[in-house]
Amino acid sequence: MLFIIRDMKHVVLYSQPGCPPCTAAKHFFKARNVEFEYKDVQADPVALKELLALNSRSTPTIKVGEEVMIGFDPEKLETMLAGQVSGK
């Protein structure tokens, strides 16, 4: 499947070491050539504050533009990215 990027939203992955769903989310983005910012909430206190401000206390928490997903749901993430990625 070929993806055409349009109006790319900023994608942030709040993660921590040893989190299998976080690793799955990273592979999901890389397999689809989606650029994302990785923030380690264990190592970065600012990232942890951002995570808490999103009303989340768990990883992965994924932010696509202004939409937030707590946990990793590939189908929902596809929908969140659909506004910026069109399959052809």
N, C-alpha and C. Protein backbone atom coordinates (compact mmCIF):
# COMPACT_ATOMS: atom_id res chain seq x y z
N MET A 1 0.85 -1.18 0.00
CA MET A 1 0.00 0.00 0.00
C MET A 1 0.89 1.23 0.00
N LEU A 2 0.58 2.19 -0.84
CA LEU A 2 1.32 3.44 -0.94
C LEU A 2 0.57 4.50 -0.15
N PHE A 3 1.29 5.24 0.67
CA PHE A 3 0.68 6.30 1.46
C PHE A 3 1.13 7.64 0.95
N ILE A 4 0.19 8.55 0.81
CA ILE A 4 0.49 9.92 0.42
C ILE A 4 0.25 10.79 1.65
N ILE A 5 1.28 11.54 2.04
CA ILE A 5 1.19 12.35 3.24
C ILE A 5 0.59 13.71 2.88
N ARG A 6 -0.42 14.10 3.64
CA ARG A 6 -1.06 15.41 3.46
C ARG A 6 -1.18 16.08 4.82
N ASP A 7 -0.82 17.35 4.88
CA ASP A 7 -0.99 18.12 6.11
C ASP A 7 -0.63 17.29 7.34
N MET A 8 0.60 16.86 7.39
CA MET A 8 1.07 15.99 8.46
C MET A 8 0.85 16.61 9.83
N LYS A 9 0.12 15.90 10.67
CA LYS A 9 -0.08 16.31 12.04
C LYS A 9 1.13 15.87 12.85
N HIS A 10 1.42 16.60 13.91
CA HIS A 10 2.53 16.23 14.79
C HIS A 10 2.11 14.99 15.58
N VAL A 11 2.93 13.94 15.54
CA VAL A 11 2.65 12.69 16.23
C VAL A 11 3.67 12.53 17.35
N VAL A 12 3.16 12.28 18.57
CA VAL A 12 4.02 12.09 19.73
C VAL A 12 3.68 10.75 20.37
N LEU A 13 4.72 9.98 20.66
CA LEU A 13 4.57 8.71 21.37
C LEU A 13 5.20 8.85 22.74
N TYR A 14 4.36 8.85 23.78
CA TYR A 14 4.85 8.86 25.16
C TYR A 14 5.04 7.40 25.55
N SER A 15 6.26 7.07 25.95
CA SER A 15 6.64 5.68 26.13
C SER A 15 7.56 5.53 27.33
N GLN A 16 7.95 4.28 27.59
CA GLN A 16 8.97 4.00 28.60
C GLN A 16 9.60 2.65 28.26
N PRO A 17 10.83 2.45 28.72
CA PRO A 17 11.51 1.19 28.43
C PRO A 17 10.74 0.00 29.02
N GLY A 18 10.79 -1.13 28.31
CA GLY A 18 10.16 -2.35 28.79
C GLY A 18 8.66 -2.39 28.62
N CYS A 19 8.13 -1.56 27.72
CA CYS A 19 6.68 -1.48 27.48
C CYS A 19 6.39 -2.12 26.12
N PRO A 20 5.93 -3.39 26.09
CA PRO A 20 5.67 -4.06 24.81
C PRO A 20 4.69 -3.32 23.90
N PRO A 21 3.57 -2.75 24.40
CA PRO A 21 2.69 -2.02 23.49
C PRO A 21 3.37 -0.77 22.92
N CYS A 22 4.30 -0.18 23.67
CA CYS A 22 5.04 0.98 23.17
C CYS A 22 5.91 0.57 21.99
N THR A 23 6.56 -0.59 22.11
CA THR A 23 7.39 -1.12 21.03
C THR A 23 6.53 -1.41 19.81
N ALA A 24 5.35 -1.96 20.02
CA ALA A 24 4.43 -2.24 18.91
C ALA A 24 4.03 -0.93 18.22
N ALA A 25 3.79 0.12 18.99
CA ALA A 25 3.42 1.41 18.41
C ALA A 25 4.57 1.98 17.58
N LYS A 26 5.80 1.85 18.07
CA LYS A 26 6.97 2.33 17.31
C LYS A 26 7.08 1.59 15.98
N HIS A 27 6.90 0.25 16.02
CA HIS A 27 6.97 -0.54 14.78
C HIS A 27 5.83 -0.14 13.83
N PHE A 28 4.65 0.12 14.37
CA PHE A 28 3.50 0.56 13.57
C PHE A 28 3.87 1.82 12.78
N PHE A 29 4.42 2.81 13.48
CA PHE A 29 4.77 4.08 12.81
C PHE A 29 5.87 3.88 11.78
N LYS A 30 6.90 3.13 12.14
CA LYS A 30 8.02 2.92 11.22
C LYS A 30 7.59 2.16 9.98
N ALA A 31 6.71 1.17 10.13
CA ALA A 31 6.24 0.38 8.99
C ALA A 31 5.43 1.22 8.01
N ARG A 32 4.85 2.31 8.51
CA ARG A 32 4.02 3.18 7.68
C ARG A 32 4.72 4.49 7.33
N ASN A 33 6.00 4.57 7.65
CA ASN A 33 6.79 5.78 7.39
C ASN A 33 6.15 7.03 7.99
N VAL A 34 5.58 6.89 9.18
CA VAL A 34 4.99 8.02 9.88
C VAL A 34 6.04 8.59 10.82
N GLU A 35 6.39 9.85 10.62
CA GLU A 35 7.34 10.49 11.52
C GLU A 35 6.66 10.74 12.85
N PHE A 36 7.40 10.47 13.94
CA PHE A 36 6.84 10.68 15.27
C PHE A 36 7.93 11.11 16.22
N GLU A 37 7.52 11.80 17.26
CA GLU A 37 8.44 12.22 18.30
C GLU A 37 8.30 11.23 19.45
N TYR A 38 9.42 10.69 19.89
CA TYR A 38 9.44 9.71 20.97
C TYR A 38 9.80 10.42 22.27
N LYS A 39 8.97 10.25 23.30
CA LYS A 39 9.24 10.86 24.59
C LYS A 39 9.21 9.78 25.67
N ASP A 40 10.35 9.61 26.34
CA ASP A 40 10.51 8.62 27.40
C ASP A 40 10.09 9.27 28.72
N VAL A 41 8.95 8.86 29.26
CA VAL A 41 8.42 9.49 30.47
C VAL A 41 9.18 9.09 31.73
N GLN A 42 10.00 8.03 31.66
CA GLN A 42 10.83 7.66 32.81
C GLN A 42 12.06 8.54 32.89
N ALA A 43 12.65 8.84 31.74
CA ALA A 43 13.91 9.59 31.71
C ALA A 43 13.71 11.10 31.63
N ASP A 44 12.54 11.54 31.18
CA ASP A 44 12.31 12.97 30.93
C ASP A 44 11.15 13.49 31.78
N PRO A 45 11.44 14.26 32.85
CA PRO A 45 10.37 14.76 33.72
C PRO A 45 9.39 15.68 33.01
N VAL A 46 9.85 16.39 31.99
CA VAL A 46 8.95 17.26 31.22
C VAL A 46 7.94 16.40 30.45
N ALA A 47 8.42 15.31 29.86
CA ALA A 47 7.53 14.39 29.13
C ALA A 47 6.50 13.80 30.09
N LEU A 48 6.91 13.46 31.31
CA LEU A 48 5.97 12.92 32.29
C LEU A 48 4.90 13.95 32.63
N LYS A 49 5.28 15.21 32.79
CA LYS A 49 4.30 16.27 33.06
C LYS A 49 3.32 16.42 31.90
N GLU A 50 3.84 16.33 30.67
CA GLU A 50 2.98 16.41 29.48
C GLU A 50 1.99 15.25 29.48
N LEU A 51 2.47 14.06 29.79
CA LEU A 51 1.61 12.87 29.84
C LEU A 51 0.49 13.07 30.84
N LEU A 52 0.83 13.54 32.04
CA LEU A 52 -0.18 13.76 33.08
C LEU A 52 -1.17 14.85 32.65
N ALA A 53 -0.70 15.86 31.94
CA ALA A 53 -1.58 16.93 31.45
C ALA A 53 -2.58 16.41 30.42
N LEU A 54 -2.27 15.27 29.80
CA LEU A 54 -3.19 14.64 28.84
C LEU A 54 -4.17 13.70 29.55
N ASN A 55 -4.19 13.77 30.89
CA ASN A 55 -5.05 12.91 31.72
C ASN A 55 -4.72 11.43 31.53
N SER A 56 -3.43 11.15 31.38
CA SER A 56 -2.98 9.77 31.24
C SER A 56 -1.92 9.49 32.29
N ARG A 57 -1.90 8.25 32.72
CA ARG A 57 -0.86 7.79 33.63
C ARG A 57 -0.23 6.50 33.11
N SER A 58 -0.49 6.20 31.83
CA SER A 58 0.03 4.95 31.29
C SER A 58 0.66 5.16 29.92
N THR A 59 1.48 4.18 29.55
CA THR A 59 2.11 4.19 28.24
C THR A 59 1.71 2.92 27.50
N PRO A 60 1.61 2.98 26.21
CA PRO A 60 1.85 4.18 25.41
C PRO A 60 0.65 5.12 25.46
N THR A 61 0.94 6.37 25.38
CA THR A 61 -0.07 7.39 25.11
C THR A 61 0.40 8.05 23.82
N ILE A 62 -0.50 8.16 22.88
CA ILE A 62 -0.15 8.65 21.55
C ILE A 62 -0.99 9.89 21.25
N LYS A 63 -0.31 10.93 20.78
CA LYS A 63 -1.00 12.16 20.41
C LYS A 63 -0.80 12.39 18.93
N VAL A 64 -1.90 12.52 18.19
CA VAL A 64 -1.88 12.80 16.76
C VAL A 64 -2.61 14.12 16.59
N GLY A 65 -1.87 15.19 16.32
CA GLY A 65 -2.48 16.51 16.31
C GLY A 65 -2.99 16.80 17.70
N GLU A 66 -4.29 17.01 17.83
CA GLU A 66 -4.90 17.26 19.14
C GLU A 66 -5.62 16.04 19.70
N GLU A 67 -5.64 14.94 18.93
CA GLU A 67 -6.30 13.71 19.40
C GLU A 67 -5.34 12.89 20.26
N VAL A 68 -5.88 12.27 21.30
CA VAL A 68 -5.06 11.49 22.22
C VAL A 68 -5.62 10.07 22.33
N MET A 69 -4.71 9.10 22.26
CA MET A 69 -5.06 7.70 22.48
C MET A 69 -4.23 7.19 23.64
N ILE A 70 -4.90 6.59 24.61
CA ILE A 70 -4.21 5.96 25.73
C ILE A 70 -4.22 4.47 25.46
N GLY A 71 -3.04 3.88 25.37
CA GLY A 71 -2.91 2.49 24.96
C GLY A 71 -2.60 2.41 23.47
N PHE A 72 -2.55 1.20 22.95
CA PHE A 72 -2.26 1.02 21.53
C PHE A 72 -3.35 0.20 20.88
N ASP A 73 -4.11 0.84 20.00
CA ASP A 73 -5.16 0.20 19.24
C ASP A 73 -4.88 0.51 17.77
N PRO A 74 -4.30 -0.45 17.03
CA PRO A 74 -3.90 -0.17 15.65
C PRO A 74 -5.03 0.35 14.77
N GLU A 75 -6.23 -0.21 14.92
CA GLU A 75 -7.36 0.24 14.08
C GLU A 75 -7.73 1.69 14.39
N LYS A 76 -7.79 2.02 15.67
CA LYS A 76 -8.12 3.40 16.04
C LYS A 76 -7.01 4.34 15.59
N LEU A 77 -5.77 3.90 15.69
CA LEU A 77 -4.66 4.74 15.26
C LEU A 77 -4.70 4.99 13.76
N GLU A 78 -5.07 3.97 13.00
CA GLU A 78 -5.26 4.16 11.56
C GLU A 78 -6.28 5.26 11.30
N THR A 79 -7.37 5.24 12.06
CA THR A 79 -8.42 6.25 11.90
C THR A 79 -7.90 7.63 12.27
N MET A 80 -7.12 7.72 13.36
CA MET A 80 -6.56 9.00 13.77
C MET A 80 -5.62 9.56 12.70
N LEU A 81 -4.87 8.69 12.06
CA LEU A 81 -3.94 9.13 11.02
C LEU A 81 -4.64 9.37 9.69
N ALA A 82 -5.86 8.90 9.53
CA ALA A 82 -6.57 8.97 8.25
C ALA A 82 -6.72 10.40 7.75
N GLY A 83 -6.81 11.35 8.65
CA GLY A 83 -6.93 12.74 8.24
C GLY A 83 -5.69 13.26 7.57
N GLN A 84 -4.55 12.60 7.77
CA GLN A 84 -3.30 13.07 7.19
C GLN A 84 -2.73 12.09 6.18
N VAL A 85 -3.21 10.85 6.18
CA VAL A 85 -2.65 9.85 5.28
C VAL A 85 -3.77 9.25 4.44
N SER A 86 -3.55 9.22 3.16
CA SER A 86 -4.55 8.67 2.26
C SER A 86 -3.93 7.49 1.52
N GLY A 87 -4.58 6.33 1.56
CA GLY A 87 -4.04 5.15 0.88
C GLY A 87 -4.39 5.14 -0.58
N LYS A 88 -3.47 4.68 -1.43
CA LYS A 88 -3.74 4.55 -2.87
C LYS A 88 -3.12 3.28 -3.37
